[in-house]
mmCIF file of all heavy atoms, coordinates in Angstrom:
data_MODEL
# 
_entry.id   MODEL 
# 
loop_
_atom_site.group_PDB 
_atom_site.id 
_atom_site.type_symbol 
_atom_site.label_atom_id 
_atom_site.label_alt_id 
_atom_site.label_comp_id 
_atom_site.label_asym_id 
_atom_site.label_entity_id 
_atom_site.label_seq_id 
_atom_site.pdbx_PDB_ins_code 
_atom_site.Cartn_x 
_atom_site.Cartn_y 
_atom_site.Cartn_z 
_atom_site.occupancy 
_atom_site.B_iso_or_equiv 
_atom_site.pdbx_formal_charge 
_atom_site.auth_seq_id 
_atom_site.auth_comp_id 
_atom_site.auth_asym_id 
_atom_site.auth_atom_id 
_atom_site.pdbx_PDB_model_num 
ATOM 1   N N   . GLY A 1 1  ? -12.039 -10.720 -4.805 1.00 0.00 ? 1  GLY A N   1 
ATOM 2   C CA  . GLY A 1 1  ? -11.533 -9.356  -4.768 1.00 0.00 ? 1  GLY A CA  1 
ATOM 3   C C   . GLY A 1 1  ? -10.271 -9.148  -3.966 1.00 0.00 ? 1  GLY A C   1 
ATOM 4   O O   . GLY A 1 1  ? -9.609  -10.080 -3.511 1.00 0.00 ? 1  GLY A O   1 
ATOM 5   N N   . LEU A 1 2  ? -9.961  -7.850  -3.789 1.00 0.00 ? 2  LEU A N   1 
ATOM 6   C CA  . LEU A 1 2  ? -8.719  -7.417  -3.147 1.00 0.00 ? 2  LEU A CA  1 
ATOM 7   C C   . LEU A 1 2  ? -8.942  -7.104  -1.675 1.00 0.00 ? 2  LEU A C   1 
ATOM 8   O O   . LEU A 1 2  ? -9.926  -6.460  -1.294 1.00 0.00 ? 2  LEU A O   1 
ATOM 9   C CB  . LEU A 1 2  ? -8.190  -6.167  -3.855 1.00 0.00 ? 2  LEU A CB  1 
ATOM 10  C CG  . LEU A 1 2  ? -6.951  -5.493  -3.259 1.00 0.00 ? 2  LEU A CG  1 
ATOM 11  C CD1 . LEU A 1 2  ? -5.736  -6.408  -3.362 1.00 0.00 ? 2  LEU A CD1 1 
ATOM 12  C CD2 . LEU A 1 2  ? -6.695  -4.153  -3.957 1.00 0.00 ? 2  LEU A CD2 1 
ATOM 13  N N   . ILE A 1 3  ? -8.008  -7.575  -0.840 1.00 0.00 ? 3  ILE A N   1 
ATOM 14  C CA  . ILE A 1 3  ? -8.007  -7.263  0.582  1.00 0.00 ? 3  ILE A CA  1 
ATOM 15  C C   . ILE A 1 3  ? -6.697  -6.543  0.889  1.00 0.00 ? 3  ILE A C   1 
ATOM 16  O O   . ILE A 1 3  ? -5.617  -7.063  0.591  1.00 0.00 ? 3  ILE A O   1 
ATOM 17  C CB  . ILE A 1 3  ? -8.098  -8.540  1.439  1.00 0.00 ? 3  ILE A CB  1 
ATOM 18  C CG1 . ILE A 1 3  ? -9.383  -9.301  1.119  1.00 0.00 ? 3  ILE A CG1 1 
ATOM 19  C CG2 . ILE A 1 3  ? -8.038  -8.202  2.918  1.00 0.00 ? 3  ILE A CG2 1 
ATOM 20  C CD1 . ILE A 1 3  ? -9.338  -10.754 1.515  1.00 0.00 ? 3  ILE A CD1 1 
ATOM 21  N N   . LYS A 1 4  ? -6.796  -5.329  1.432  1.00 0.00 ? 4  LYS A N   1 
ATOM 22  C CA  . LYS A 1 4  ? -5.600  -4.566  1.794  1.00 0.00 ? 4  LYS A CA  1 
ATOM 23  C C   . LYS A 1 4  ? -5.461  -4.509  3.309  1.00 0.00 ? 4  LYS A C   1 
ATOM 24  O O   . LYS A 1 4  ? -6.417  -4.213  4.018  1.00 0.00 ? 4  LYS A O   1 
ATOM 25  C CB  . LYS A 1 4  ? -5.681  -3.143  1.236  1.00 0.00 ? 4  LYS A CB  1 
ATOM 26  C CG  . LYS A 1 4  ? -5.540  -3.047  -0.266 1.00 0.00 ? 4  LYS A CG  1 
ATOM 27  C CD  . LYS A 1 4  ? -5.495  -1.581  -0.696 1.00 0.00 ? 4  LYS A CD  1 
ATOM 28  C CE  . LYS A 1 4  ? -5.273  -1.453  -2.202 1.00 0.00 ? 4  LYS A CE  1 
ATOM 29  N NZ  . LYS A 1 4  ? -5.190  -0.024  -2.614 1.00 0.00 ? 4  LYS A NZ  1 
ATOM 30  N N   . ILE A 1 5  ? -4.256  -4.813  3.777  1.00 0.00 ? 5  ILE A N   1 
ATOM 31  C CA  . ILE A 1 5  ? -3.951  -4.747  5.211  1.00 0.00 ? 5  ILE A CA  1 
ATOM 32  C C   . ILE A 1 5  ? -2.697  -3.897  5.362  1.00 0.00 ? 5  ILE A C   1 
ATOM 33  O O   . ILE A 1 5  ? -1.648  -4.231  4.819  1.00 0.00 ? 5  ILE A O   1 
ATOM 34  C CB  . ILE A 1 5  ? -3.716  -6.161  5.788  1.00 0.00 ? 5  ILE A CB  1 
ATOM 35  C CG1 . ILE A 1 5  ? -4.948  -7.042  5.552  1.00 0.00 ? 5  ILE A CG1 1 
ATOM 36  C CG2 . ILE A 1 5  ? -3.387  -6.088  7.271  1.00 0.00 ? 5  ILE A CG2 1 
ATOM 37  C CD1 . ILE A 1 5  ? -4.735  -8.502  5.901  1.00 0.00 ? 5  ILE A CD1 1 
ATOM 38  N N   . TYR A 1 6  ? -2.827  -2.791  6.080  1.00 0.00 ? 6  TYR A N   1 
ATOM 39  C CA  . TYR A 1 6  ? -1.675  -1.903  6.186  1.00 0.00 ? 6  TYR A CA  1 
ATOM 40  C C   . TYR A 1 6  ? -1.641  -1.216  7.551  1.00 0.00 ? 6  TYR A C   1 
ATOM 41  O O   . TYR A 1 6  ? -2.660  -1.135  8.259  1.00 0.00 ? 6  TYR A O   1 
ATOM 42  C CB  . TYR A 1 6  ? -1.677  -0.864  5.064  1.00 0.00 ? 6  TYR A CB  1 
ATOM 43  C CG  . TYR A 1 6  ? -2.933  -0.021  4.977  1.00 0.00 ? 6  TYR A CG  1 
ATOM 44  C CD1 . TYR A 1 6  ? -3.019  1.212   5.632  1.00 0.00 ? 6  TYR A CD1 1 
ATOM 45  C CD2 . TYR A 1 6  ? -4.025  -0.446  4.235  1.00 0.00 ? 6  TYR A CD2 1 
ATOM 46  C CE1 . TYR A 1 6  ? -4.165  1.980   5.554  1.00 0.00 ? 6  TYR A CE1 1 
ATOM 47  C CE2 . TYR A 1 6  ? -5.174  0.322   4.144  1.00 0.00 ? 6  TYR A CE2 1 
ATOM 48  C CZ  . TYR A 1 6  ? -5.242  1.539   4.798  1.00 0.00 ? 6  TYR A CZ  1 
ATOM 49  O OH  . TYR A 1 6  ? -6.378  2.300   4.729  1.00 0.00 ? 6  TYR A OH  1 
ATOM 50  N N   . GLY A 1 7  ? -0.439  -0.761  7.911  1.00 0.00 ? 7  GLY A N   1 
ATOM 51  C CA  . GLY A 1 7  ? -0.255  -0.121  9.211  1.00 0.00 ? 7  GLY A CA  1 
ATOM 52  C C   . GLY A 1 7  ? 1.089   -0.485  9.793  1.00 0.00 ? 7  GLY A C   1 
ATOM 53  O O   . GLY A 1 7  ? 2.066   -0.696  9.070  1.00 0.00 ? 7  GLY A O   1 
ATOM 54  N N   . ASP A 1 8  ? 1.125   -0.608  11.126 1.00 0.00 ? 8  ASP A N   1 
ATOM 55  C CA  . ASP A 1 8  ? 2.372   -0.872  11.846 1.00 0.00 ? 8  ASP A CA  1 
ATOM 56  C C   . ASP A 1 8  ? 2.199   -2.126  12.705 1.00 0.00 ? 8  ASP A C   1 
ATOM 57  O O   . ASP A 1 8  ? 1.281   -2.200  13.518 1.00 0.00 ? 8  ASP A O   1 
ATOM 58  C CB  . ASP A 1 8  ? 2.703   0.336   12.732 1.00 0.00 ? 8  ASP A CB  1 
ATOM 59  C CG  . ASP A 1 8  ? 4.111   0.265   13.321 1.00 0.00 ? 8  ASP A CG  1 
ATOM 60  O OD1 . ASP A 1 8  ? 4.635   -0.858  13.492 1.00 0.00 ? 8  ASP A OD1 1 
ATOM 61  O OD2 . ASP A 1 8  ? 4.671   1.327   13.627 1.00 0.00 ? 8  ASP A OD2 1 
ATOM 62  N N   . PHE A 1 9  ? 3.076   -3.093  12.514 1.00 0.00 ? 9  PHE A N   1 
ATOM 63  C CA  . PHE A 1 9  ? 3.019   -4.345  13.272 1.00 0.00 ? 9  PHE A CA  1 
ATOM 64  C C   . PHE A 1 9  ? 3.142   -4.096  14.774 1.00 0.00 ? 9  PHE A C   1 
ATOM 65  O O   . PHE A 1 9  ? 2.648   -4.878  15.585 1.00 0.00 ? 9  PHE A O   1 
ATOM 66  C CB  . PHE A 1 9  ? 4.131   -5.281  12.797 1.00 0.00 ? 9  PHE A CB  1 
ATOM 67  C CG  . PHE A 1 9  ? 4.122   -6.633  13.459 1.00 0.00 ? 9  PHE A CG  1 
ATOM 68  C CD1 . PHE A 1 9  ? 3.052   -7.501  13.296 1.00 0.00 ? 9  PHE A CD1 1 
ATOM 69  C CD2 . PHE A 1 9  ? 5.192   -7.043  14.242 1.00 0.00 ? 9  PHE A CD2 1 
ATOM 70  C CE1 . PHE A 1 9  ? 3.040   -8.752  13.903 1.00 0.00 ? 9  PHE A CE1 1 
ATOM 71  C CE2 . PHE A 1 9  ? 5.199   -8.288  14.853 1.00 0.00 ? 9  PHE A CE2 1 
ATOM 72  C CZ  . PHE A 1 9  ? 4.121   -9.140  14.684 1.00 0.00 ? 9  PHE A CZ  1 
ATOM 73  N N   . ASN A 1 10 ? 3.790   -2.988  15.141 1.00 0.00 ? 10 ASN A N   1 
ATOM 74  C CA  . ASN A 1 10 ? 3.941   -2.637  16.549 1.00 0.00 ? 10 ASN A CA  1 
ATOM 75  C C   . ASN A 1 10 ? 2.715   -1.903  17.103 1.00 0.00 ? 10 ASN A C   1 
ATOM 76  O O   . ASN A 1 10 ? 2.692   -1.538  18.280 1.00 0.00 ? 10 ASN A O   1 
ATOM 77  C CB  . ASN A 1 10 ? 5.186   -1.776  16.757 1.00 0.00 ? 10 ASN A CB  1 
ATOM 78  C CG  . ASN A 1 10 ? 6.467   -2.553  16.499 1.00 0.00 ? 10 ASN A CG  1 
ATOM 79  O OD1 . ASN A 1 10 ? 6.496   -3.785  16.605 1.00 0.00 ? 10 ASN A OD1 1 
ATOM 80  N ND2 . ASN A 1 10 ? 7.532   -1.856  16.133 1.00 0.00 ? 10 ASN A ND2 1 
ATOM 81  N N   . ASP A 1 11 ? 1.725   -1.699  16.257 1.00 0.00 ? 11 ASP A N   1 
ATOM 82  C CA  . ASP A 1 11 ? 0.499   -1.013  16.672 1.00 0.00 ? 11 ASP A CA  1 
ATOM 83  C C   . ASP A 1 11 ? -0.698  -1.777  16.086 1.00 0.00 ? 11 ASP A C   1 
ATOM 84  O O   . ASP A 1 11 ? -1.463  -1.243  15.284 1.00 0.00 ? 11 ASP A O   1 
ATOM 85  C CB  . ASP A 1 11 ? 0.519   0.436   16.186 1.00 0.00 ? 11 ASP A CB  1 
ATOM 86  C CG  . ASP A 1 11 ? -0.645  1.256   16.727 1.00 0.00 ? 11 ASP A CG  1 
ATOM 87  O OD1 . ASP A 1 11 ? -1.283  0.812   17.703 1.00 0.00 ? 11 ASP A OD1 1 
ATOM 88  O OD2 . ASP A 1 11 ? -0.928  2.329   16.157 1.00 0.00 ? 11 ASP A OD2 1 
ATOM 89  N N   . ILE A 1 12 ? -0.844  -3.029  16.517 1.00 0.00 ? 12 ILE A N   1 
ATOM 90  C CA  . ILE A 1 12 ? -1.829  -3.944  15.943 1.00 0.00 ? 12 ILE A CA  1 
ATOM 91  C C   . ILE A 1 12 ? -3.250  -3.379  15.996 1.00 0.00 ? 12 ILE A C   1 
ATOM 92  O O   . ILE A 1 12 ? -4.033  -3.542  15.061 1.00 0.00 ? 12 ILE A O   1 
ATOM 93  C CB  . ILE A 1 12 ? -1.787  -5.314  16.666 1.00 0.00 ? 12 ILE A CB  1 
ATOM 94  C CG1 . ILE A 1 12 ? -0.472  -6.031  16.366 1.00 0.00 ? 12 ILE A CG1 1 
ATOM 95  C CG2 . ILE A 1 12 ? -2.973  -6.190  16.258 1.00 0.00 ? 12 ILE A CG2 1 
ATOM 96  C CD1 . ILE A 1 12 ? -0.319  -6.509  14.949 1.00 0.00 ? 12 ILE A CD1 1 
ATOM 97  N N   . LYS A 1 13 ? -3.589  -2.714  17.101 1.00 0.00 ? 13 LYS A N   1 
ATOM 98  C CA  . LYS A 1 13 ? -4.961  -2.230  17.276 1.00 0.00 ? 13 LYS A CA  1 
ATOM 99  C C   . LYS A 1 13 ? -5.385  -1.241  16.193 1.00 0.00 ? 13 LYS A C   1 
ATOM 100 O O   . LYS A 1 13 ? -6.585  -1.106  15.904 1.00 0.00 ? 13 LYS A O   1 
ATOM 101 C CB  . LYS A 1 13 ? -5.113  -1.575  18.655 1.00 0.00 ? 13 LYS A CB  1 
ATOM 102 C CG  . LYS A 1 13 ? -5.090  -2.562  19.811 1.00 0.00 ? 13 LYS A CG  1 
ATOM 103 C CD  . LYS A 1 13 ? -5.344  -1.851  21.127 1.00 0.00 ? 13 LYS A CD  1 
ATOM 104 C CE  . LYS A 1 13 ? -5.369  -2.844  22.279 1.00 0.00 ? 13 LYS A CE  1 
ATOM 105 N NZ  . LYS A 1 13 ? -5.600  -2.182  23.582 1.00 0.00 ? 13 LYS A NZ  1 
ATOM 106 N N   . ASN A 1 14 ? -4.435  -0.560  15.591 1.00 0.00 ? 14 ASN A N   1 
ATOM 107 C CA  . ASN A 1 14 ? -4.758  0.455   14.587 1.00 0.00 ? 14 ASN A CA  1 
ATOM 108 C C   . ASN A 1 14 ? -4.457  0.024   13.152 1.00 0.00 ? 14 ASN A C   1 
ATOM 109 O O   . ASN A 1 14 ? -4.436  0.853   12.245 1.00 0.00 ? 14 ASN A O   1 
ATOM 110 C CB  . ASN A 1 14 ? -4.016  1.766   14.900 1.00 0.00 ? 14 ASN A CB  1 
ATOM 111 C CG  . ASN A 1 14 ? -4.551  2.423   16.166 1.00 0.00 ? 14 ASN A CG  1 
ATOM 112 O OD1 . ASN A 1 14 ? -5.754  2.570   16.327 1.00 0.00 ? 14 ASN A OD1 1 
ATOM 113 N ND2 . ASN A 1 14 ? -3.654  2.782   17.063 1.00 0.00 ? 14 ASN A ND2 1 
ATOM 114 N N   . ILE A 1 15 ? -4.239  -1.263  12.959 1.00 0.00 ? 15 ILE A N   1 
ATOM 115 C CA  . ILE A 1 15 ? -4.050  -1.769  11.597 1.00 0.00 ? 15 ILE A CA  1 
ATOM 116 C C   . ILE A 1 15 ? -5.351  -1.596  10.809 1.00 0.00 ? 15 ILE A C   1 
ATOM 117 O O   . ILE A 1 15 ? -6.440  -1.821  11.335 1.00 0.00 ? 15 ILE A O   1 
ATOM 118 C CB  . ILE A 1 15 ? -3.624  -3.255  11.631 1.00 0.00 ? 15 ILE A CB  1 
ATOM 119 C CG1 . ILE A 1 15 ? -2.141  -3.353  12.003 1.00 0.00 ? 15 ILE A CG1 1 
ATOM 120 C CG2 . ILE A 1 15 ? -3.872  -3.945  10.284 1.00 0.00 ? 15 ILE A CG2 1 
ATOM 121 C CD1 . ILE A 1 15 ? -1.627  -4.763  12.109 1.00 0.00 ? 15 ILE A CD1 1 
ATOM 122 N N   . LYS A 1 16 ? -5.249  -1.197  9.560  1.00 0.00 ? 16 LYS A N   1 
ATOM 123 C CA  . LYS A 1 16 ? -6.411  -0.953  8.715  1.00 0.00 ? 16 LYS A CA  1 
ATOM 124 C C   . LYS A 1 16 ? -6.633  -2.124  7.759  1.00 0.00 ? 16 LYS A C   1 
ATOM 125 O O   . LYS A 1 16 ? -5.677  -2.696  7.218  1.00 0.00 ? 16 LYS A O   1 
ATOM 126 C CB  . LYS A 1 16 ? -6.231  0.331   7.904  1.00 0.00 ? 16 LYS A CB  1 
ATOM 127 C CG  . LYS A 1 16 ? -6.006  1.578   8.752  1.00 0.00 ? 16 LYS A CG  1 
ATOM 128 C CD  . LYS A 1 16 ? -7.201  1.873   9.645  1.00 0.00 ? 16 LYS A CD  1 
ATOM 129 C CE  . LYS A 1 16 ? -6.986  3.134   10.471 1.00 0.00 ? 16 LYS A CE  1 
ATOM 130 N NZ  . LYS A 1 16 ? -8.104  3.393   11.409 1.00 0.00 ? 16 LYS A NZ  1 
ATOM 131 N N   . ILE A 1 17 ? -7.901  -2.456  7.574  1.00 0.00 ? 17 ILE A N   1 
ATOM 132 C CA  . ILE A 1 17 ? -8.269  -3.525  6.640  1.00 0.00 ? 17 ILE A CA  1 
ATOM 133 C C   . ILE A 1 17 ? -9.294  -2.981  5.662  1.00 0.00 ? 17 ILE A C   1 
ATOM 134 O O   . ILE A 1 17 ? -10.331 -2.457  6.065  1.00 0.00 ? 17 ILE A O   1 
ATOM 135 C CB  . ILE A 1 17 ? -8.870  -4.739  7.378  1.00 0.00 ? 17 ILE A CB  1 
ATOM 136 C CG1 . ILE A 1 17 ? -7.877  -5.301  8.400  1.00 0.00 ? 17 ILE A CG1 1 
ATOM 137 C CG2 . ILE A 1 17 ? -9.282  -5.818  6.381  1.00 0.00 ? 17 ILE A CG2 1 
ATOM 138 C CD1 . ILE A 1 17 ? -8.451  -6.381  9.285  1.00 0.00 ? 17 ILE A CD1 1 
ATOM 139 N N   . GLU A 1 18 ? -8.992  -3.096  4.382  1.00 0.00 ? 18 GLU A N   1 
ATOM 140 C CA  . GLU A 1 18 ? -9.937  -2.707  3.331  1.00 0.00 ? 18 GLU A CA  1 
ATOM 141 C C   . GLU A 1 18 ? -10.314 -3.960  2.552  1.00 0.00 ? 18 GLU A C   1 
ATOM 142 O O   . GLU A 1 18 ? -9.451  -4.680  2.058  1.00 0.00 ? 18 GLU A O   1 
ATOM 143 C CB  . GLU A 1 18 ? -9.316  -1.669  2.389  1.00 0.00 ? 18 GLU A CB  1 
ATOM 144 C CG  . GLU A 1 18 ? -9.022  -0.335  3.059  1.00 0.00 ? 18 GLU A CG  1 
ATOM 145 C CD  . GLU A 1 18 ? -8.400  0.662   2.096  1.00 0.00 ? 18 GLU A CD  1 
ATOM 146 O OE1 . GLU A 1 18 ? -8.295  0.345   0.880  1.00 0.00 ? 18 GLU A OE1 1 
ATOM 147 O OE2 . GLU A 1 18 ? -8.002  1.758   2.546  1.00 0.00 ? 18 GLU A OE2 1 
ATOM 148 N N   . ASP A 1 19 ? -11.605 -4.237  2.474  1.00 0.00 ? 19 ASP A N   1 
ATOM 149 C CA  . ASP A 1 19 ? -12.054 -5.426  1.764  1.00 0.00 ? 19 ASP A CA  1 
ATOM 150 C C   . ASP A 1 19 ? -13.363 -5.109  1.043  1.00 0.00 ? 19 ASP A C   1 
ATOM 151 O O   . ASP A 1 19 ? -13.632 -3.957  0.719  1.00 0.00 ? 19 ASP A O   1 
ATOM 152 C CB  . ASP A 1 19 ? -12.202 -6.612  2.723  1.00 0.00 ? 19 ASP A CB  1 
ATOM 153 C CG  . ASP A 1 19 ? -13.112 -6.299  3.913  1.00 0.00 ? 19 ASP A CG  1 
ATOM 154 O OD1 . ASP A 1 19 ? -13.799 -5.259  3.870  1.00 0.00 ? 19 ASP A OD1 1 
ATOM 155 O OD2 . ASP A 1 19 ? -13.134 -7.083  4.866  1.00 0.00 ? 19 ASP A OD2 1 
ATOM 156 N N   . ASN A 1 20 ? -14.159 -6.101  0.814  1.00 0.00 ? 20 ASN A N   1 
ATOM 157 C CA  . ASN A 1 20 ? -15.419 -5.913  0.095  1.00 0.00 ? 20 ASN A CA  1 
ATOM 158 C C   . ASN A 1 20 ? -16.555 -5.455  1.010  1.00 0.00 ? 20 ASN A C   1 
ATOM 159 O O   . ASN A 1 20 ? -17.670 -5.945  0.937  1.00 0.00 ? 20 ASN A O   1 
ATOM 160 C CB  . ASN A 1 20 ? -15.832 -7.221  -0.596 1.00 0.00 ? 20 ASN A CB  1 
ATOM 161 C CG  . ASN A 1 20 ? -14.861 -7.611  -1.698 1.00 0.00 ? 20 ASN A CG  1 
ATOM 162 O OD1 . ASN A 1 20 ? -14.556 -6.807  -2.568 1.00 0.00 ? 20 ASN A OD1 1 
ATOM 163 N ND2 . ASN A 1 20 ? -14.365 -8.830  -1.638 1.00 0.00 ? 20 ASN A ND2 1 
ATOM 164 N N   . GLY A 1 21 ? -16.263 -4.511  1.895  1.00 0.00 ? 21 GLY A N   1 
ATOM 165 C CA  . GLY A 1 21 ? -17.279 -3.990  2.790  1.00 0.00 ? 21 GLY A CA  1 
ATOM 166 C C   . GLY A 1 21 ? -17.574 -4.895  3.965  1.00 0.00 ? 21 GLY A C   1 
ATOM 167 O O   . GLY A 1 21 ? -18.533 -4.656  4.711  1.00 0.00 ? 21 GLY A O   1 
ATOM 168 N N   . GLU A 1 22 ? -16.763 -5.926  4.181  1.00 0.00 ? 22 GLU A N   1 
ATOM 169 C CA  . GLU A 1 22 ? -16.993 -6.868  5.270  1.00 0.00 ? 22 GLU A CA  1 
ATOM 170 C C   . GLU A 1 22 ? -16.472 -6.335  6.608  1.00 0.00 ? 22 GLU A C   1 
ATOM 171 O O   . GLU A 1 22 ? -17.129 -6.463  7.649  1.00 0.00 ? 22 GLU A O   1 
ATOM 172 C CB  . GLU A 1 22 ? -16.326 -8.209  4.967  1.00 0.00 ? 22 GLU A CB  1 
ATOM 173 C CG  . GLU A 1 22 ? -16.969 -9.007  3.840  1.00 0.00 ? 22 GLU A CG  1 
ATOM 174 C CD  . GLU A 1 22 ? -18.177 -9.809  4.323  1.00 0.00 ? 22 GLU A CD  1 
ATOM 175 O OE1 . GLU A 1 22 ? -18.472 -9.764  5.527  1.00 0.00 ? 22 GLU A OE1 1 
ATOM 176 O OE2 . GLU A 1 22 ? -18.812 -10.472 3.495  1.00 0.00 ? 22 GLU A OE2 1 
ATOM 177 N N   . ASN A 1 23 ? -15.282 -5.739  6.595  1.00 0.00 ? 23 ASN A N   1 
ATOM 178 C CA  . ASN A 1 23 ? -14.642 -5.362  7.857  1.00 0.00 ? 23 ASN A CA  1 
ATOM 179 C C   . ASN A 1 23 ? -15.424 -4.338  8.677  1.00 0.00 ? 23 ASN A C   1 
ATOM 180 O O   . ASN A 1 23 ? -15.452 -4.444  9.908  1.00 0.00 ? 23 ASN A O   1 
ATOM 181 C CB  . ASN A 1 23 ? -13.224 -4.845  7.587  1.00 0.00 ? 23 ASN A CB  1 
ATOM 182 C CG  . ASN A 1 23 ? -12.412 -4.762  8.857  1.00 0.00 ? 23 ASN A CG  1 
ATOM 183 O OD1 . ASN A 1 23 ? -12.238 -5.759  9.557  1.00 0.00 ? 23 ASN A OD1 1 
ATOM 184 N ND2 . ASN A 1 23 ? -11.939 -3.570  9.184  1.00 0.00 ? 23 ASN A ND2 1 
ATOM 185 N N   . PRO A 1 24 ? -16.073 -3.333  8.068  1.00 0.00 ? 24 PRO A N   1 
ATOM 186 C CA  . PRO A 1 24 ? -16.860 -2.398  8.886  1.00 0.00 ? 24 PRO A CA  1 
ATOM 187 C C   . PRO A 1 24 ? -17.949 -3.093  9.714  1.00 0.00 ? 24 PRO A C   1 
ATOM 188 O O   . PRO A 1 24 ? -18.246 -2.665  10.825 1.00 0.00 ? 24 PRO A O   1 
ATOM 189 C CB  . PRO A 1 24 ? -17.478 -1.460  7.844  1.00 0.00 ? 24 PRO A CB  1 
ATOM 190 C CG  . PRO A 1 24 ? -16.513 -1.488  6.707  1.00 0.00 ? 24 PRO A CG  1 
ATOM 191 C CD  . PRO A 1 24 ? -16.011 -2.900  6.660  1.00 0.00 ? 24 PRO A CD  1 
# 
């Protein structure tokens, strides 16, 4: 499946990861 990683490289702590329900 698809893994999405988005946000700001200068704000690593708040980067969002969307995957197959693994990250939560």
